[in-house]
C-alpha atoms as a PDB file:
ATOM      1  CA  MET A   1      54.269  41.517  36.163  1.00  0.00           C
ATOM      2  CA  ALA A   2      53.648  39.869  39.513  1.00  0.00           C
ATOM      3  CA  ASP A   3      57.310  38.859  39.535  1.00  0.00           C
ATOM      4  CA  LYS A   4      58.294  42.504  39.166  1.00  0.00           C
ATOM      5  CA  HIS A   5      56.073  43.436  42.092  1.00  0.00           C
ATOM      6  CA  ALA A   6      57.476  40.560  44.151  1.00  0.00           C
ATOM      7  CA  ALA A   7      61.042  41.680  43.431  1.00  0.00           C
ATOM      8  CA  LYS A   8      60.142  45.246  44.391  1.00  0.00           C
ATOM      9  CA  SER A   9      58.389  44.100  47.543  1.00  0.00           C
ATOM     10  CA  LYS A  10      61.360  41.961  48.628  1.00  0.00           C
ATOM     11  CA  GLY A  11      63.587  44.979  48.216  1.00  0.00           C
ATOM     12  CA  LYS A  12      61.210  47.139  50.223  1.00  0.00           C
ATOM     13  CA  GLU A  13      60.814  44.568  52.962  1.00  0.00           C
ATOM     14  CA  LYS A  14      64.523  44.787  53.457  1.00  0.00           C
ATOM     15  CA  ASP A  15      64.083  48.551  53.806  1.00  0.00           C
ATOM     16  CA  GLY A  16      61.503  47.960  56.509  1.00  0.00           C
ATOM     17  CA  ASP A  17      58.256  48.446  54.506  1.00  0.00           C
ATOM     18  CA  PRO A  18      55.617  46.173  56.081  1.00  0.00           C
ATOM     19  CA  ALA A  19      52.931  47.130  53.500  1.00  0.00           C
ATOM     20  CA  ALA A  20      54.912  45.805  50.545  1.00  0.00           C
ATOM     21  CA  ALA A  21      53.294  42.363  50.795  1.00  0.00           C
ATOM     22  CA  PHE A  22      49.829  43.943  50.772  1.00  0.00           C
ATOM     23  CA  ARG A  23      50.737  46.014  47.714  1.00  0.00           C
ATOM     24  CA  THR A  24      51.873  42.895  45.915  1.00  0.00           C
ATOM     25  CA  VAL A  25      48.616  41.101  46.715  1.00  0.00           C
ATOM     26  CA  ARG A  26      46.621  44.176  45.655  1.00  0.00           C
ATOM     27  CA  ASP A  27      48.478  44.516  42.357  1.00  0.00           C
ATOM     28  CA  THR A  28      48.079  40.822  41.567  1.00  0.00           C
ATOM     29  CA  TYR A  29      44.363  41.008  42.400  1.00  0.00           C
ATOM     30  CA  LEU A  30      43.863  44.086  40.189  1.00  0.00           C
ATOM     31  CA  ASP A  31      45.736  42.494  37.295  1.00  0.00           C
ATOM     32  CA  ALA A  32      43.576  39.360  37.511  1.00  0.00           C
ATOM     33  CA  TRP A  33      40.351  41.412  37.610  1.00  0.00           C
ATOM     34  CA  SER A  34      41.533  43.577  34.726  1.00  0.00           C
ATOM     35  CA  LYS A  35      42.209  40.568  32.502  1.00  0.00           C
ATOM     36  CA  THR A  36      38.891  38.956  33.476  1.00  0.00           C
ATOM     37  CA  MET A  37      36.888  42.116  32.744  1.00  0.00           C
ATOM     38  CA  VAL A  38      38.600  42.708  29.386  1.00  0.00           C
ATOM     39  CA  ASP A  39      37.801  39.145  28.360  1.00  0.00           C
ATOM     40  CA  ALA A  40      34.174  39.489  29.506  1.00  0.00           C
ATOM     41  CA  VAL A  41      33.570  42.862  27.833  1.00  0.00           C
ATOM     42  CA  ASN A  42      34.962  41.733  24.485  1.00  0.00           C
ATOM     43  CA  THR A  43      32.303  39.039  23.981  1.00  0.00           C
ATOM     44  CA  GLU A  44      29.228  39.104  21.780  1.00  0.00           C
ATOM     45  CA  ALA A  45      27.000  38.126  24.704  1.00  0.00           C
ATOM     46  CA  TYR A  46      28.115  41.166  26.680  1.00  0.00           C
ATOM     47  CA  ALA A  47      27.418  43.459  23.723  1.00  0.00           C
ATOM     48  CA  LYS A  48      23.911  42.015  23.313  1.00  0.00           C
ATOM     49  CA  ALA A  49      23.153  42.258  27.034  1.00  0.00           C
ATOM     50  CA  THR A  50      24.358  45.857  27.142  1.00  0.00           C
ATOM     51  CA  GLY A  51      22.252  46.708  24.090  1.00  0.00           C
ATOM     52  CA  ILE A  52      19.143  45.212  25.656  1.00  0.00           C
ATOM     53  CA  MET A  53      19.737  47.100  28.919  1.00  0.00           C
ATOM     54  CA  LEU A  54      20.216  50.409  27.079  1.00  0.00           C
ATOM     55  CA  ASP A  55      17.082  49.879  24.989  1.00  0.00           C
ATOM     56  CA  THR A  56      15.090  49.069  28.118  1.00  0.00           C
ATOM     57  CA  TYR A  57      16.457  52.114  29.911  1.00  0.00           C
ATOM     58  CA  LEU A  58      15.647  54.444  26.999  1.00  0.00           C
ATOM     59  CA  SER A  59      12.130  53.006  26.689  1.00  0.00           C
ATOM     60  CA  ALA A  60      11.490  53.349  30.418  1.00  0.00           C
ATOM     61  CA  SER A  61      12.967  56.829  30.722  1.00  0.00           C
ATOM     62  CA  ALA A  62      11.145  58.354  27.729  1.00  0.00           C
ATOM     63  CA  PRO A  63       7.923  59.231  29.638  1.00  0.00           C
ATOM     64  CA  PHE A  64       9.929  60.766  32.489  1.00  0.00           C
ATOM     65  CA  ARG A  65      11.973  62.804  30.019  1.00  0.00           C
ATOM     66  CA  GLU A  66       8.820  64.061  28.288  1.00  0.00           C
ATOM     67  CA  ASN A  67       7.237  65.062  31.610  1.00  0.00           C
ATOM     68  CA  LEU A  68      10.432  66.801  32.676  1.00  0.00           C
ATOM     69  CA  GLU A  69      10.506  68.714  29.403  1.00  0.00           C
ATOM     70  CA  LYS A  70       6.889  69.850  29.862  1.00  0.00           C
ATOM     71  CA  VAL A  71       7.578  70.998  33.413  1.00  0.00           C
ATOM     72  CA  MET A  72      10.699  72.853  32.272  1.00  0.00           C
ATOM     73  CA  VAL A  73       8.803  74.664  29.501  1.00  0.00           C
ATOM     74  CA  GLN A  74       6.118  75.746  31.986  1.00  0.00           C
ATOM     75  CA  ALA A  75       8.731  76.944  34.469  1.00  0.00           C
ATOM     76  CA  LEU A  76      10.529  78.918  31.775  1.00  0.00           C
ATOM     77  CA  GLN A  77       7.262  80.495  30.654  1.00  0.00           C
ATOM     78  CA  GLN A  78       6.455  81.552  34.211  1.00  0.00           C
ATOM     79  CA  LEU A  79       9.919  83.067  34.567  1.00  0.00           C
ATOM     80  CA  SER A  80       9.567  84.846  31.190  1.00  0.00           C
ATOM     81  CA  MET A  81      12.590  83.026  29.833  1.00  0.00           C
ATOM     82  CA  PRO A  82      12.969  81.524  26.347  1.00  0.00           C
ATOM     83  CA  SER A  83      12.742  77.784  25.882  1.00  0.00           C
ATOM     84  CA  ARG A  84      14.682  75.583  23.489  1.00  0.00           C
ATOM     85  CA  ALA A  85      11.811  75.752  21.007  1.00  0.00           C
ATOM     86  CA  ASP A  86      11.954  79.561  21.125  1.00  0.00           C
ATOM     87  CA  PHE A  87      15.659  79.507  20.291  1.00  0.00           C
ATOM     88  CA  VAL A  88      15.129  77.027  17.461  1.00  0.00           C
ATOM     89  CA  SER A  89      12.349  79.180  16.004  1.00  0.00           C
ATOM     90  CA  LEU A  90      14.486  82.302  16.236  1.00  0.00           C
ATOM     91  CA  ALA A  91      17.435  80.529  14.598  1.00  0.00           C
ATOM     92  CA  GLU A  92      15.221  79.400  11.696  1.00  0.00           C
ATOM     93  CA  ARG A  93      13.899  82.920  11.204  1.00  0.00           C
ATOM     94  CA  LEU A  94      17.397  84.394  11.241  1.00  0.00           C
ATOM     95  CA  THR A  95      18.520  81.804   8.711  1.00  0.00           C
ATOM     96  CA  ASN A  96      15.646  82.833   6.414  1.00  0.00           C
ATOM     97  CA  VAL A  97      16.594  86.518   6.795  1.00  0.00           C
ATOM     98  CA  GLU A  98      20.230  85.722   5.949  1.00  0.00           C
ATOM     99  CA  MET A  99      19.163  83.788   2.857  1.00  0.00           C
ATOM    100  CA  LYS A 100      16.984  86.670   1.666  1.00  0.00           C
ATOM    101  CA  LEU A 101      19.794  89.150   2.247  1.00  0.00           C
ATOM    102  CA  ASP A 102      22.158  86.945   0.239  1.00  0.00           C
ATOM    103  CA  ASP A 103      19.622  86.799  -2.604  1.00  0.00           C
ATOM    104  CA  LEU A 104      19.210  90.595  -2.543  1.00  0.00           C
ATOM    105  CA  ASP A 105      22.990  91.035  -2.549  1.00  0.00           C
ATOM    106  CA  ALA A 106      23.306  88.767  -5.595  1.00  0.00           C
ATOM    107  CA  LYS A 107      20.540  90.671  -7.417  1.00  0.00           C
ATOM    108  CA  LEU A 108      22.149  94.020  -6.623  1.00  0.00           C
ATOM    109  CA  ASP A 109      25.494  92.747  -7.909  1.00  0.00           C
ATOM    110  CA  HIS A 110      23.776  91.669 -11.145  1.00  0.00           C
ATOM    111  CA  ILE A 111      22.062  95.068 -11.529  1.00  0.00           C
ATOM    112  CA  GLU A 112      25.369  96.855 -10.879  1.00  0.00           C
ATOM    113  CA  LYS A 113      27.079  94.809 -13.611  1.00  0.00           C
ATOM    114  CA  LEU A 114      24.298  95.602 -16.076  1.00  0.00           C
ATOM    115  CA  VAL A 115      24.428  99.335 -15.314  1.00  0.00           C
ATOM    116  CA  THR A 116      28.217  99.363 -15.628  1.00  0.00           C
ATOM    117  CA  LYS A 117      28.069  97.533 -18.980  1.00  0.00           C
ATOM    118  CA  ARG A 118      25.475  99.932 -20.388  1.00  0.00           C
ATOM    119  CA  ALA A 119      27.344 103.004 -19.169  1.00  0.00           C
ATOM    120  CA  SER A 120      30.626 101.815 -20.695  1.00  0.00           C
ATOM    121  CA  ALA A 121      28.853 100.898 -23.980  1.00  0.00           C
ATOM    122  CA  ALA A 122      27.238 104.350 -24.129  1.00  0.00           C
ATOM    123  CA  ARG A 123      30.619 106.035 -23.605  1.00  0.00           C
ATOM    124  CA  ARG A 124      32.159 104.032 -26.413  1.00  0.00           C
ATOM    125  CA  ARG A 125      29.325 104.838 -28.828  1.00  0.00           C
ATOM    126  CA  LYS A 126      29.314 108.571 -28.582  1.00  0.00           C
ATOM    127  CA  PRO A 127      31.731 110.992 -27.102  1.00  0.00           C
ATOM    128  CA  ALA A 128      30.503 113.275 -24.402  1.00  0.00           C
ATOM    129  CA  PRO A 129      29.383 116.668 -25.824  1.00  0.00           C
ATOM    130  CA  ALA A 130      31.650 119.607 -25.163  1.00  0.00           C
ATOM    131  CA  ALA A 131      30.330 122.101 -22.684  1.00  0.00           C
ATOM    132  CA  PRO A 132      28.832 125.187 -24.367  1.00  0.00           C
ATOM    133  CA  PRO A 133      30.868 128.359 -23.992  1.00  0.00           C
ATOM    134  CA  VAL A 134      29.847 130.492 -21.083  1.00  0.00           C
ATOM    135  CA  PRO A 135      28.698 133.954 -22.311  1.00  0.00           C
ATOM    136  CA  GLU A 136      30.312 136.861 -20.620  1.00  0.00           C
ATOM    137  CA  ASP A 137      28.064 139.288 -18.870  1.00  0.00           C
ATOM    138  CA  ALA A 138      27.365 142.312 -21.103  1.00  0.00           C
ATOM    139  CA  SER A 139      26.717 144.692 -18.306  1.00  0.00           C
END
């Protein structure tokens, strides 16, 4: 890859580009750093060190996060705005209402089926009586 850059830079130097040599050095430097960093990051030691640093960071930041959460809840209360806990509570209540509505819908469907079955069975058993004749007015 450095050879490609060198060939390009030689062509550009002929065109009068004085920065071509610096670009070649920069590209070579970046390629070397890239290869070095990839090799370093793909080691077990790096993974362990990163894990330890993240664990330490999470342990150290937990008290700050808790204090920030308390302050945020107080600020939201003073501004009469809902907090995350309020939204979670409301979502749980709405879920319970939806479940109860689904249960009621299923029960109503069952009742409707029973009523329909009984009505159709009653029609099959006995024919509907004929309407009595309407007497004419004798006046």
